[in-house]
Amino acid sequence: RNMIERALILGDAGRPIEISDLQADSVPDE
């Protein structure tokens, strides 16, 4: 529940929830 709530608060409301929304500590490549 906390993970989903964080994704809804911090993510872009105009697109689906993606893996990047669920990895608060990950750093994508360029």
All heavy atoms as atom14 arrays in JSON, in Angstrom:
{
  "sequence": "RNMIERALILGDAGRPIEISDLQADSVPDE",
  "atom14_mask": [
    [1, 1, 1, 1, 1, 1, 1, 1, 1, 1, 1, 0, 0, 0],
    [1, 1, 1, 1, 1, 1, 1, 1, 0, 0, 0, 0, 0, 0],
    [1, 1, 1, 1, 1, 1, 1, 1, 0, 0, 0, 0, 0, 0],
    [1, 1, 1, 1, 1, 1, 1, 1, 0, 0, 0, 0, 0, 0],
    [1, 1, 1, 1, 1, 1, 1, 1, 1, 0, 0, 0, 0, 0],
    [1, 1, 1, 1, 1, 1, 1, 1, 1, 1, 1, 0, 0, 0],
    [1, 1, 1, 1, 1, 0, 0, 0, 0, 0, 0, 0, 0, 0],
    [1, 1, 1, 1, 1, 1, 1, 1, 0, 0, 0, 0, 0, 0],
    [1, 1, 1, 1, 1, 1, 1, 1, 0, 0, 0, 0, 0, 0],
    [1, 1, 1, 1, 1, 1, 1, 1, 0, 0, 0, 0, 0, 0],
    [1, 1, 1, 1, 0, 0, 0, 0, 0, 0, 0, 0, 0, 0],
    [1, 1, 1, 1, 1, 1, 1, 1, 0, 0, 0, 0, 0, 0],
    [1, 1, 1, 1, 1, 0, 0, 0, 0, 0, 0, 0, 0, 0],
    [1, 1, 1, 1, 0, 0, 0, 0, 0, 0, 0, 0, 0, 0],
    [1, 1, 1, 1, 1, 1, 1, 1, 1, 1, 1, 0, 0, 0],
    [1, 1, 1, 1, 1, 1, 1, 0, 0, 0, 0, 0, 0, 0],
    [1, 1, 1, 1, 1, 1, 1, 1, 0, 0, 0, 0, 0, 0],
    [1, 1, 1, 1, 1, 1, 1, 1, 1, 0, 0, 0, 0, 0],
    [1, 1, 1, 1, 1, 1, 1, 1, 0, 0, 0, 0, 0, 0],
    [1, 1, 1, 1, 1, 1, 0, 0, 0, 0, 0, 0, 0, 0],
    [1, 1, 1, 1, 1, 1, 1, 1, 0, 0, 0, 0, 0, 0],
    [1, 1, 1, 1, 1, 1, 1, 1, 0, 0, 0, 0, 0, 0],
    [1, 1, 1, 1, 1, 1, 1, 1, 1, 0, 0, 0, 0, 0],
    [1, 1, 1, 1, 1, 0, 0, 0, 0, 0, 0, 0, 0, 0],
    [1, 1, 1, 1, 1, 1, 1, 1, 0, 0, 0, 0, 0, 0],
    [1, 1, 1, 1, 1, 1, 0, 0, 0, 0, 0, 0, 0, 0],
    [1, 1, 1, 1, 1, 1, 1, 0, 0, 0, 0, 0, 0, 0],
    [1, 1, 1, 1, 1, 1, 1, 0, 0, 0, 0, 0, 0, 0],
    [1, 1, 1, 1, 1, 1, 1, 1, 0, 0, 0, 0, 0, 0],
    [1, 1, 1, 1, 1, 1, 1, 1, 1, 0, 0, 0, 0, 0]
  ],
  "atom14_positions": [
    [[0.84, -1.2, 0.0], [0.0, 0.0, 0.0], [0.87, 1.25, 0.0], [0.6, 2.2, -0.75], [-0.91, 0.01, 1.23], [-1.87, 1.2, 1.27], [-2.53, 1.32, 2.63], [-3.53, 2.37, 2.68], [-3.28, 3.66, 2.75], [-2.03, 4.09, 2.79], [-4.27, 4.55, 2.77], [0.0, 0.0, 0.0], [0.0, 0.0, 0.0], [0.0, 0.0, 0.0]],
    [[1.92, 1.27, 0.82], [2.8, 2.44, 0.87], [3.5, 2.68, -0.47], [3.65, 3.82, -0.9], [3.85, 2.25, 1.97], [3.25, 2.31, 3.36], [2.11, 2.75, 3.53], [3.98, 1.83, 4.36], [0.0, 0.0, 0.0], [0.0, 0.0, 0.0], [0.0, 0.0, 0.0], [0.0, 0.0, 0.0], [0.0, 0.0, 0.0], [0.0, 0.0, 0.0]],
    [[3.91, 1.59, -1.12], [4.59, 1.73, -2.41], [3.65, 2.32, -3.46], [4.03, 3.21, -4.24], [5.13, 0.38, -2.88], [5.87, 0.44, -4.2], [6.54, -1.16, -4.71], [7.93, -1.31, -3.6], [0.0, 0.0, 0.0], [0.0, 0.0, 0.0], [0.0, 0.0, 0.0], [0.0, 0.0, 0.0], [0.0, 0.0, 0.0], [0.0, 0.0, 0.0]],
    [[2.39, 1.83, -3.48], [1.43, 2.34, -4.44], [1.11, 3.8, -4.15], [1.03, 4.64, -5.07], [0.14, 1.48, -4.41], [0.43, 0.06, -4.91], [-0.94, 2.14, -5.26], [0.96, -0.02, -6.33], [0.0, 0.0, 0.0], [0.0, 0.0, 0.0], [0.0, 0.0, 0.0], [0.0, 0.0, 0.0], [0.0, 0.0, 0.0], [0.0, 0.0, 0.0]],
    [[0.95, 4.14, -2.88], [0.65, 5.53, -2.53], [1.79, 6.45, -2.96], [1.56, 7.54, -3.5], [0.42, 5.65, -1.02], [0.0, 7.05, -0.59], [-0.4, 7.11, 0.87], [-0.28, 6.1, 1.58], [-0.85, 8.2, 1.32], [0.0, 0.0, 0.0], [0.0, 0.0, 0.0], [0.0, 0.0, 0.0], [0.0, 0.0, 0.0], [0.0, 0.0, 0.0]],
    [[3.03, 6.02, -2.74], [4.18, 6.83, -3.15], [4.2, 7.02, -4.67], [4.47, 8.11, -5.17], [5.47, 6.18, -2.67], [6.73, 6.98, -3.01], [7.97, 6.38, -2.37], [8.25, 5.05, -2.87], [8.31, 3.96, -2.12], [8.07, 4.02, -0.82], [8.58, 2.79, -2.65], [0.0, 0.0, 0.0], [0.0, 0.0, 0.0], [0.0, 0.0, 0.0]],
    [[3.89, 5.94, -5.41], [3.89, 6.03, -6.87], [2.82, 7.0, -7.37], [3.05, 7.76, -8.32], [3.67, 4.64, -7.47], [0.0, 0.0, 0.0], [0.0, 0.0, 0.0], [0.0, 0.0, 0.0], [0.0, 0.0, 0.0], [0.0, 0.0, 0.0], [0.0, 0.0, 0.0], [0.0, 0.0, 0.0], [0.0, 0.0, 0.0], [0.0, 0.0, 0.0]],
    [[1.66, 7.0, -6.73], [0.59, 7.9, -7.14], [0.91, 9.36, -6.8], [0.54, 10.27, -7.54], [-0.73, 7.5, -6.47], [-1.29, 6.12, -6.85], [-2.59, 5.86, -6.11], [-1.51, 6.01, -8.35], [0.0, 0.0, 0.0], [0.0, 0.0, 0.0], [0.0, 0.0, 0.0], [0.0, 0.0, 0.0], [0.0, 0.0, 0.0], [0.0, 0.0, 0.0]],
    [[1.6, 9.58, -5.69], [1.93, 10.94, -5.28], [3.04, 11.53, -6.12], [2.96, 12.67, -6.59], [2.33, 10.97, -3.78], [1.11, 10.65, -2.9], [2.91, 12.33, -3.39], [1.45, 10.47, -1.44], [0.0, 0.0, 0.0], [0.0, 0.0, 0.0], [0.0, 0.0, 0.0], [0.0, 0.0, 0.0], [0.0, 0.0, 0.0], [0.0, 0.0, 0.0]],
    [[4.09, 10.74, -6.37], [5.29, 11.27, -7.03], [5.3, 11.09, -8.54], [6.04, 11.77, -9.23], [6.55, 10.59, -6.44], [6.77, 10.78, -4.93], [8.02, 10.02, -4.49], [6.89, 12.26, -4.58], [0.0, 0.0, 0.0], [0.0, 0.0, 0.0], [0.0, 0.0, 0.0], [0.0, 0.0, 0.0], [0.0, 0.0, 0.0], [0.0, 0.0, 0.0]],
    [[4.47, 10.19, -9.05], [4.52, 9.89, -10.48], [3.73, 10.86, -11.34], [3.05, 11.75, -10.85], [0.0, 0.0, 0.0], [0.0, 0.0, 0.0], [0.0, 0.0, 0.0], [0.0, 0.0, 0.0], [0.0, 0.0, 0.0], [0.0, 0.0, 0.0], [0.0, 0.0, 0.0], [0.0, 0.0, 0.0], [0.0, 0.0, 0.0], [0.0, 0.0, 0.0]],
    [[3.82, 10.66, -12.63], [3.11, 11.47, -13.62], [1.69, 10.94, -13.76], [1.48, 9.8, -14.19], [3.86, 11.41, -14.95], [3.22, 12.28, -16.02], [2.12, 12.83, -15.76], [3.8, 12.4, -17.11], [0.0, 0.0, 0.0], [0.0, 0.0, 0.0], [0.0, 0.0, 0.0], [0.0, 0.0, 0.0], [0.0, 0.0, 0.0], [0.0, 0.0, 0.0]],
    [[0.72, 11.78, -13.42], [-0.68, 11.34, -13.43], [-1.17, 10.99, -14.83], [-2.16, 10.28, -14.99], [-1.57, 12.42, -12.83], [0.0, 0.0, 0.0], [0.0, 0.0, 0.0], [0.0, 0.0, 0.0], [0.0, 0.0, 0.0], [0.0, 0.0, 0.0], [0.0, 0.0, 0.0], [0.0, 0.0, 0.0], [0.0, 0.0, 0.0], [0.0, 0.0, 0.0]],
    [[-0.48, 11.44, -15.86], [-0.95, 11.24, -17.22], [-0.48, 9.95, -17.87], [-0.78, 9.72, -19.04], [0.0, 0.0, 0.0], [0.0, 0.0, 0.0], [0.0, 0.0, 0.0], [0.0, 0.0, 0.0], [0.0, 0.0, 0.0], [0.0, 0.0, 0.0], [0.0, 0.0, 0.0], [0.0, 0.0, 0.0], [0.0, 0.0, 0.0], [0.0, 0.0, 0.0]],
    [[0.27, 9.13, -17.14], [0.74, 7.88, -17.75], [0.57, 6.72, -16.79], [0.38, 6.92, -15.58], [2.21, 8.01, -18.16], [3.15, 8.29, -16.99], [4.61, 8.25, -17.42], [5.51, 8.6, -16.34], [5.87, 7.78, -15.37], [5.37, 6.56, -15.34], [6.7, 8.18, -14.42], [0.0, 0.0, 0.0], [0.0, 0.0, 0.0], [0.0, 0.0, 0.0]],
    [[0.66, 5.47, -17.28], [0.53, 4.31, -16.4], [1.69, 4.24, -15.4], [2.74, 4.86, -15.59], [0.57, 3.12, -17.37], [0.22, 3.69, -18.71], [0.76, 5.08, -18.71], [0.0, 0.0, 0.0], [0.0, 0.0, 0.0], [0.0, 0.0, 0.0], [0.0, 0.0, 0.0], [0.0, 0.0, 0.0], [0.0, 0.0, 0.0], [0.0, 0.0, 0.0]],
    [[1.49, 3.47, -14.34], [2.57, 3.2, -13.39], [3.53, 2.21, -14.03], [3.14, 1.13, -14.48], [2.01, 2.62, -12.07], [1.13, 3.66, -11.37], [3.14, 2.18, -11.14], [0.46, 3.14, -10.12], [0.0, 0.0, 0.0], [0.0, 0.0, 0.0], [0.0, 0.0, 0.0], [0.0, 0.0, 0.0], [0.0, 0.0, 0.0], [0.0, 0.0, 0.0]],
    [[4.82, 2.59, -14.07], [5.85, 1.75, -14.67], [6.82, 1.27, -13.59], [6.75, 1.68, -12.43], [6.6, 2.54, -15.74], [5.69, 3.05, -16.85], [6.41, 3.97, -17.83], [7.55, 4.4, -17.48], [5.86, 4.25, -18.89], [0.0, 0.0, 0.0], [0.0, 0.0, 0.0], [0.0, 0.0, 0.0], [0.0, 0.0, 0.0], [0.0, 0.0, 0.0]],
    [[7.74, 0.4, -14.01], [8.73, -0.12, -13.06], [9.49, 1.01, -12.39], [9.76, 0.97, -11.19], [9.69, -1.09, -13.76], [8.94, -2.34, -14.23], [10.84, -1.48, -12.83], [9.8, -3.33, -15.0], [0.0, 0.0, 0.0], [0.0, 0.0, 0.0], [0.0, 0.0, 0.0], [0.0, 0.0, 0.0], [0.0, 0.0, 0.0], [0.0, 0.0, 0.0]],
    [[9.82, 2.04, -13.14], [10.59, 3.15, -12.59], [9.86, 3.85, -11.45], [10.49, 4.4, -10.54], [10.93, 4.16, -13.69], [9.74, 4.66, -14.27], [0.0, 0.0, 0.0], [0.0, 0.0, 0.0], [0.0, 0.0, 0.0], [0.0, 0.0, 0.0], [0.0, 0.0, 0.0], [0.0, 0.0, 0.0], [0.0, 0.0, 0.0], [0.0, 0.0, 0.0]],
    [[8.52, 3.81, -11.45], [7.74, 4.41, -10.36], [7.83, 3.59, -9.08], [7.53, 4.1, -8.0], [6.27, 4.53, -10.76], [6.06, 5.49, -11.91], [6.56, 6.61, -11.83], [5.4, 5.09, -12.9], [0.0, 0.0, 0.0], [0.0, 0.0, 0.0], [0.0, 0.0, 0.0], [0.0, 0.0, 0.0], [0.0, 0.0, 0.0], [0.0, 0.0, 0.0]],
    [[8.23, 2.34, -9.22], [8.23, 1.43, -8.08], [9.64, 1.16, -7.56], [9.83, 0.3, -6.71], [7.57, 0.1, -8.48], [6.17, 0.22, -9.06], [5.68, -1.12, -9.58], [5.2, 0.77, -8.03], [0.0, 0.0, 0.0], [0.0, 0.0, 0.0], [0.0, 0.0, 0.0], [0.0, 0.0, 0.0], [0.0, 0.0, 0.0], [0.0, 0.0, 0.0]],
    [[10.62, 1.89, -8.08], [12.01, 1.71, -7.66], [12.54, 3.04, -7.16], [13.27, 3.73, -7.86], [12.87, 1.2, -8.83], [12.51, -0.23, -9.25], [13.37, -0.7, -10.4], [13.62, 0.03, -11.34], [13.84, -1.94, -10.3], [0.0, 0.0, 0.0], [0.0, 0.0, 0.0], [0.0, 0.0, 0.0], [0.0, 0.0, 0.0], [0.0, 0.0, 0.0]],
    [[12.19, 3.38, -5.95], [12.56, 4.69, -5.42], [14.06, 4.87, -5.32], [14.57, 5.98, -5.41], [11.92, 4.88, -4.05], [0.0, 0.0, 0.0], [0.0, 0.0, 0.0], [0.0, 0.0, 0.0], [0.0, 0.0, 0.0], [0.0, 0.0, 0.0], [0.0, 0.0, 0.0], [0.0, 0.0, 0.0], [0.0, 0.0, 0.0], [0.0, 0.0, 0.0]],
    [[14.82, 3.78, -5.14], [16.26, 3.91, -4.93], [17.09, 3.58, -6.17], [18.3, 3.64, -6.12], [16.7, 2.98, -3.79], [15.99, 3.31, -2.49], [15.76, 4.51, -2.25], [15.69, 2.38, -1.73], [0.0, 0.0, 0.0], [0.0, 0.0, 0.0], [0.0, 0.0, 0.0], [0.0, 0.0, 0.0], [0.0, 0.0, 0.0], [0.0, 0.0, 0.0]],
    [[16.43, 3.22, -7.28], [17.19, 2.86, -8.47], [17.56, 4.1, -9.28], [16.92, 5.13, -9.2], [16.37, 1.91, -9.35], [15.25, 2.58, -9.88], [0.0, 0.0, 0.0], [0.0, 0.0, 0.0], [0.0, 0.0, 0.0], [0.0, 0.0, 0.0], [0.0, 0.0, 0.0], [0.0, 0.0, 0.0], [0.0, 0.0, 0.0], [0.0, 0.0, 0.0]],
    [[18.63, 3.96, -10.04], [19.09, 5.07, -10.89], [19.17, 4.57, -12.32], [19.99, 3.71, -12.63], [20.48, 5.58, -10.44], [20.93, 6.71, -11.32], [20.44, 5.99, -8.98], [0.0, 0.0, 0.0], [0.0, 0.0, 0.0], [0.0, 0.0, 0.0], [0.0, 0.0, 0.0], [0.0, 0.0, 0.0], [0.0, 0.0, 0.0], [0.0, 0.0, 0.0]],
    [[18.31, 5.05, -13.21], [18.34, 4.58, -14.6], [19.59, 5.07, -15.33], [20.22, 6.02, -14.9], [17.07, 5.2, -15.2], [16.83, 6.42, -14.38], [17.3, 6.08, -12.99], [0.0, 0.0, 0.0], [0.0, 0.0, 0.0], [0.0, 0.0, 0.0], [0.0, 0.0, 0.0], [0.0, 0.0, 0.0], [0.0, 0.0, 0.0], [0.0, 0.0, 0.0]],
    [[19.92, 4.38, -16.43], [21.06, 4.84, -17.21], [20.66, 6.07, -18.01], [19.57, 6.58, -17.88], [21.57, 3.71, -18.14], [20.56, 3.36, -19.22], [19.47, 3.98, -19.26], [20.85, 2.46, -20.02], [0.0, 0.0, 0.0], [0.0, 0.0, 0.0], [0.0, 0.0, 0.0], [0.0, 0.0, 0.0], [0.0, 0.0, 0.0], [0.0, 0.0, 0.0]],
    [[21.56, 6.56, -18.87], [21.31, 7.82, -19.56], [20.08, 7.74, -20.45], [19.4, 8.73, -20.67], [22.54, 8.2, -20.39], [23.74, 8.57, -19.52], [24.94, 8.95, -20.35], [24.83, 8.95, -21.59], [25.99, 9.27, -19.77], [0.0, 0.0, 0.0], [0.0, 0.0, 0.0], [0.0, 0.0, 0.0], [0.0, 0.0, 0.0], [0.0, 0.0, 0.0]]
  ]
}
